[in-house]
Amino acid sequence: MKHMEVVGVRVEMPSNQPIVLLKESDGERYLPIWIGAVEATAIALAQQGVTPARPLTHDLFRNVLDALDATLRTVNITALRDGIFYAELIFSNGVEVSARPSDSIALALRTGAPIYAGEDVIEEAGVPIPDEQEDEVEKFREFLDNITPEDFGRTT
């Protein structure tokens, strides 16, 4: 498993499909995962440090974990089958729960849990971006700095 960092979310045009982009912490490969608009908004809000007036689903899940005195230890993106990514939530009590990567990432951002991806998943779907192309990634980061939840067609 490779440690991954969340670069951010963006909307892929012309399909208007949101993606979350992860990057190897110690490498040059990026992992794009197509996600739903609601999850894209949840991830963007967490990255921007926005706290909604009332808890969204991922905030509620974090609050329930706190109330049960449990923690999310890690998020593992474990597989890619037929174009669908699979993830597992690993909790402090040893329980493992299958989940969508988008929900898992949104929860990890709220709890501070690390995100990992299987080497085989990165090998199959990862995109290497060498240092000389890092300026394109910087442009993407600038885009992320200016994105708002309204860009996904939903407000809090």
C-alpha atoms as a PDB file:
ATOM      1  CA  MET A   1       0.000   0.000   0.000  1.00  0.00           C
ATOM      2  CA  LYS A   2       1.235   3.474  -0.912  1.00  0.00           C
ATOM      3  CA  HIS A   3       0.444   6.567   1.135  1.00  0.00           C
ATOM      4  CA  MET A   4      -1.632   9.039  -0.899  1.00  0.00           C
ATOM      5  CA  GLU A   5      -2.343  12.751  -0.533  1.00  0.00           C
ATOM      6  CA  VAL A   6      -5.541  14.418  -1.692  1.00  0.00           C
ATOM      7  CA  VAL A   7      -4.647  17.023  -4.310  1.00  0.00           C
ATOM      8  CA  GLY A   8      -8.283  18.060  -4.675  1.00  0.00           C
ATOM      9  CA  VAL A   9     -11.405  17.837  -6.780  1.00  0.00           C
ATOM     10  CA  ARG A  10     -12.329  19.265 -10.129  1.00  0.00           C
ATOM     11  CA  VAL A  11     -15.054  18.956 -12.707  1.00  0.00           C
ATOM     12  CA  GLU A  12     -14.038  17.178 -15.899  1.00  0.00           C
ATOM     13  CA  MET A  13     -15.423  18.868 -18.991  1.00  0.00           C
ATOM     14  CA  PRO A  14     -17.410  18.411 -21.187  1.00  0.00           C
ATOM     15  CA  SER A  15     -18.996  15.539 -19.249  1.00  0.00           C
ATOM     16  CA  ASN A  16     -19.339  17.729 -16.133  1.00  0.00           C
ATOM     17  CA  GLN A  17     -18.146  14.723 -14.093  1.00  0.00           C
ATOM     18  CA  PRO A  18     -16.272  15.471 -10.840  1.00  0.00           C
ATOM     19  CA  ILE A  19     -12.992  13.710 -10.077  1.00  0.00           C
ATOM     20  CA  VAL A  20     -10.848  13.558  -6.970  1.00  0.00           C
ATOM     21  CA  LEU A  21      -7.118  13.511  -7.615  1.00  0.00           C
ATOM     22  CA  LEU A  22      -4.754  11.677  -5.270  1.00  0.00           C
ATOM     23  CA  LYS A  23      -0.950  11.710  -5.454  1.00  0.00           C
ATOM     24  CA  GLU A  24       1.629   9.305  -4.118  1.00  0.00           C
ATOM     25  CA  SER A  25       3.332  10.925  -1.126  1.00  0.00           C
ATOM     26  CA  ASP A  26       6.723   9.643  -2.222  1.00  0.00           C
ATOM     27  CA  GLY A  27       6.316   9.375  -5.978  1.00  0.00           C
ATOM     28  CA  GLU A  28       5.166  11.046  -9.143  1.00  0.00           C
ATOM     29  CA  ARG A  29       2.012   9.062  -9.877  1.00  0.00           C
ATOM     30  CA  TYR A  30      -1.442  10.582  -9.573  1.00  0.00           C
ATOM     31  CA  LEU A  31      -4.658   8.600  -9.151  1.00  0.00           C
ATOM     32  CA  PRO A  32      -7.796  10.188 -10.651  1.00  0.00           C
ATOM     33  CA  ILE A  33     -11.076   8.775  -9.349  1.00  0.00           C
ATOM     34  CA  TRP A  34     -14.397   9.805 -10.876  1.00  0.00           C
ATOM     35  CA  ILE A  35     -16.911  10.608  -8.148  1.00  0.00           C
ATOM     36  CA  GLY A  36     -20.393  12.022  -7.632  1.00  0.00           C
ATOM     37  CA  ALA A  37     -21.205  15.708  -7.232  1.00  0.00           C
ATOM     38  CA  VAL A  38     -22.304  15.351  -3.594  1.00  0.00           C
ATOM     39  CA  GLU A  39     -19.057  13.620  -2.622  1.00  0.00           C
ATOM     40  CA  ALA A  40     -17.034  16.178  -4.601  1.00  0.00           C
ATOM     41  CA  THR A  41     -18.714  18.940  -2.620  1.00  0.00           C
ATOM     42  CA  ALA A  42     -18.047  17.113   0.657  1.00  0.00           C
ATOM     43  CA  ILE A  43     -14.354  16.711  -0.196  1.00  0.00           C
ATOM     44  CA  ALA A  44     -14.008  20.329  -1.355  1.00  0.00           C
ATOM     45  CA  LEU A  45     -15.686  21.627   1.820  1.00  0.00           C
ATOM     46  CA  ALA A  46     -13.363  19.564   4.020  1.00  0.00           C
ATOM     47  CA  GLN A  47     -10.285  20.754   2.139  1.00  0.00           C
ATOM     48  CA  GLN A  48     -11.398  24.360   2.477  1.00  0.00           C
ATOM     49  CA  GLY A  49     -12.109  23.911   6.184  1.00  0.00           C
ATOM     50  CA  VAL A  50     -15.757  24.913   5.729  1.00  0.00           C
ATOM     51  CA  THR A  51     -18.089  23.787   8.498  1.00  0.00           C
ATOM     52  CA  PRO A  52     -21.736  23.733   7.380  1.00  0.00           C
ATOM     53  CA  ALA A  53     -24.444  25.032   9.708  1.00  0.00           C
ATOM     54  CA  ARG A  54     -25.770  21.484  10.065  1.00  0.00           C
ATOM     55  CA  PRO A  55     -23.672  18.329   9.681  1.00  0.00           C
ATOM     56  CA  LEU A  56     -23.494  16.759   6.244  1.00  0.00           C
ATOM     57  CA  THR A  57     -23.471  12.963   6.034  1.00  0.00           C
ATOM     58  CA  HIS A  58     -19.684  12.673   6.394  1.00  0.00           C
ATOM     59  CA  ASP A  59     -19.699  15.100   9.334  1.00  0.00           C
ATOM     60  CA  LEU A  60     -22.454  13.041  10.946  1.00  0.00           C
ATOM     61  CA  PHE A  61     -20.440   9.857  10.451  1.00  0.00           C
ATOM     62  CA  ARG A  62     -17.409  11.494  12.122  1.00  0.00           C
ATOM     63  CA  ASN A  63     -19.621  12.651  15.013  1.00  0.00           C
ATOM     64  CA  VAL A  64     -21.036   9.144  15.459  1.00  0.00           C
ATOM     65  CA  LEU A  65     -17.501   7.719  15.557  1.00  0.00           C
ATOM     66  CA  ASP A  66     -16.588  10.265  18.232  1.00  0.00           C
ATOM     67  CA  ALA A  67     -19.723   9.406  20.231  1.00  0.00           C
ATOM     68  CA  LEU A  68     -18.850   5.702  20.054  1.00  0.00           C
ATOM     69  CA  ASP A  69     -15.243   6.425  21.041  1.00  0.00           C
ATOM     70  CA  ALA A  70     -13.975   4.863  17.819  1.00  0.00           C
ATOM     71  CA  THR A  71     -11.552   6.276  15.293  1.00  0.00           C
ATOM     72  CA  LEU A  72     -10.979   5.783  11.616  1.00  0.00           C
ATOM     73  CA  ARG A  73      -7.448   4.406  11.499  1.00  0.00           C
ATOM     74  CA  THR A  74      -6.930   4.259   7.725  1.00  0.00           C
ATOM     75  CA  VAL A  75      -8.651   4.371   4.379  1.00  0.00           C
ATOM     76  CA  ASN A  76      -7.390   1.791   1.907  1.00  0.00           C
ATOM     77  CA  ILE A  77      -8.239   1.958  -1.787  1.00  0.00           C
ATOM     78  CA  THR A  78      -8.005  -1.724  -2.449  1.00  0.00           C
ATOM     79  CA  ALA A  79      -9.198  -2.569  -5.928  1.00  0.00           C
ATOM     80  CA  LEU A  80     -10.269  -1.438  -9.371  1.00  0.00           C
ATOM     81  CA  ARG A  81     -12.655  -3.858 -11.069  1.00  0.00           C
ATOM     82  CA  ASP A  82     -14.614  -3.119 -14.236  1.00  0.00           C
ATOM     83  CA  GLY A  83     -13.815   0.587 -13.904  1.00  0.00           C
ATOM     84  CA  ILE A  84     -15.089   0.766 -10.307  1.00  0.00           C
ATOM     85  CA  PHE A  85     -12.786   1.615  -7.401  1.00  0.00           C
ATOM     86  CA  TYR A  86     -13.225  -0.133  -4.054  1.00  0.00           C
ATOM     87  CA  ALA A  87     -12.087   1.011  -0.624  1.00  0.00           C
ATOM     88  CA  GLU A  88     -12.090  -0.189   2.962  1.00  0.00           C
ATOM     89  CA  LEU A  89     -12.437   1.797   6.146  1.00  0.00           C
ATOM     90  CA  ILE A  90     -10.221   0.397   8.901  1.00  0.00           C
ATOM     91  CA  PHE A  91     -11.352   1.348  12.418  1.00  0.00           C
ATOM     92  CA  SER A  92      -9.498   1.426  15.726  1.00  0.00           C
ATOM     93  CA  ASN A  93     -11.432  -1.592  16.988  1.00  0.00           C
ATOM     94  CA  GLY A  94     -10.197  -3.715  14.063  1.00  0.00           C
ATOM     95  CA  VAL A  95     -13.468  -3.597  12.138  1.00  0.00           C
ATOM     96  CA  GLU A  96     -13.147  -3.231   8.365  1.00  0.00           C
ATOM     97  CA  VAL A  97     -16.022  -1.851   6.286  1.00  0.00           C
ATOM     98  CA  SER A  98     -16.270  -1.789   2.505  1.00  0.00           C
ATOM     99  CA  ALA A  99     -16.967   1.701   1.156  1.00  0.00           C
ATOM    100  CA  ARG A 100     -16.787   3.873  -1.917  1.00  0.00           C
ATOM    101  CA  PRO A 101     -13.461   5.714  -2.201  1.00  0.00           C
ATOM    102  CA  SER A 102     -15.248   9.063  -2.495  1.00  0.00           C
ATOM    103  CA  ASP A 103     -17.046   8.631   0.837  1.00  0.00           C
ATOM    104  CA  SER A 104     -13.885   7.205   2.374  1.00  0.00           C
ATOM    105  CA  ILE A 105     -11.795  10.180   1.286  1.00  0.00           C
ATOM    106  CA  ALA A 106     -14.403  12.671   2.535  1.00  0.00           C
ATOM    107  CA  LEU A 107     -14.398  10.932   5.924  1.00  0.00           C
ATOM    108  CA  ALA A 108     -10.593  10.673   6.043  1.00  0.00           C
ATOM    109  CA  LEU A 109     -10.287  14.425   5.473  1.00  0.00           C
ATOM    110  CA  ARG A 110     -12.654  15.053   8.399  1.00  0.00           C
ATOM    111  CA  THR A 111     -10.903  12.663  10.771  1.00  0.00           C
ATOM    112  CA  GLY A 112      -7.270  13.071   9.747  1.00  0.00           C
ATOM    113  CA  ALA A 113      -6.973   9.396   8.809  1.00  0.00           C
ATOM    114  CA  PRO A 114      -4.274   8.533   6.272  1.00  0.00           C
ATOM    115  CA  ILE A 115      -5.245   7.303   2.814  1.00  0.00           C
ATOM    116  CA  TYR A 116      -3.482   4.419   1.104  1.00  0.00           C
ATOM    117  CA  ALA A 117      -3.864   2.819  -2.310  1.00  0.00           C
ATOM    118  CA  GLY A 118      -2.803  -0.633  -3.387  1.00  0.00           C
ATOM    119  CA  GLU A 119       0.212  -0.743  -5.677  1.00  0.00           C
ATOM    120  CA  ASP A 120      -1.814  -2.754  -8.206  1.00  0.00           C
ATOM    121  CA  VAL A 121      -4.516  -0.037  -8.245  1.00  0.00           C
ATOM    122  CA  ILE A 122      -1.939   2.706  -8.810  1.00  0.00           C
ATOM    123  CA  GLU A 123      -0.201   0.589 -11.431  1.00  0.00           C
ATOM    124  CA  GLU A 124      -3.467   0.116 -13.343  1.00  0.00           C
ATOM    125  CA  ALA A 125      -5.047   3.572 -13.023  1.00  0.00           C
ATOM    126  CA  GLY A 126      -2.235   5.877 -11.922  1.00  0.00           C
ATOM    127  CA  VAL A 127      -0.891   8.584 -14.165  1.00  0.00           C
ATOM    128  CA  PRO A 128       2.789   9.502 -13.844  1.00  0.00           C
ATOM    129  CA  ILE A 129       3.451  13.231 -14.003  1.00  0.00           C
ATOM    130  CA  PRO A 130       7.184  13.914 -14.047  1.00  0.00           C
ATOM    131  CA  ASP A 131       8.655  16.969 -12.328  1.00  0.00           C
ATOM    132  CA  GLU A 132       8.848  18.883 -15.618  1.00  0.00           C
ATOM    133  CA  GLN A 133       5.055  18.682 -15.862  1.00  0.00           C
ATOM    134  CA  GLU A 134       4.582  19.846 -12.287  1.00  0.00           C
ATOM    135  CA  ASP A 135       3.510  23.295 -13.572  1.00  0.00           C
ATOM    136  CA  GLU A 136       0.312  21.690 -14.878  1.00  0.00           C
ATOM    137  CA  VAL A 137      -0.334  20.258 -11.438  1.00  0.00           C
ATOM    138  CA  GLU A 138       0.332  23.710  -9.949  1.00  0.00           C
ATOM    139  CA  LYS A 139      -2.315  25.152 -12.294  1.00  0.00           C
ATOM    140  CA  PHE A 140      -4.690  22.463 -11.031  1.00  0.00           C
ATOM    141  CA  ARG A 141      -3.898  23.424  -7.433  1.00  0.00           C
ATOM    142  CA  GLU A 142      -4.608  27.077  -8.249  1.00  0.00           C
ATOM    143  CA  PHE A 143      -7.941  25.976  -9.701  1.00  0.00           C
ATOM    144  CA  LEU A 144      -8.676  24.082  -6.478  1.00  0.00           C
ATOM    145  CA  ASP A 145      -7.876  27.148  -4.402  1.00  0.00           C
ATOM    146  CA  ASN A 146     -10.640  29.033  -6.187  1.00  0.00           C
ATOM    147  CA  ILE A 147     -13.320  26.348  -6.445  1.00  0.00           C
ATOM    148  CA  THR A 148     -16.526  26.685  -4.435  1.00  0.00           C
ATOM    149  CA  PRO A 149     -19.335  24.251  -3.617  1.00  0.00           C
ATOM    150  CA  GLU A 150     -21.538  26.160  -6.075  1.00  0.00           C
ATOM    151  CA  ASP A 151     -19.249  24.944  -8.874  1.00  0.00           C
ATOM    152  CA  PHE A 152     -20.733  21.492  -8.268  1.00  0.00           C
ATOM    153  CA  GLY A 153     -24.312  22.691  -8.581  1.00  0.00           C
ATOM    154  CA  ARG A 154     -25.043  22.388  -4.874  1.00  0.00           C
ATOM    155  CA  THR A 155     -24.811  24.719  -1.928  1.00  0.00           C
ATOM    156  CA  THR A 156     -24.713  23.913   1.771  1.00  0.00           C
END
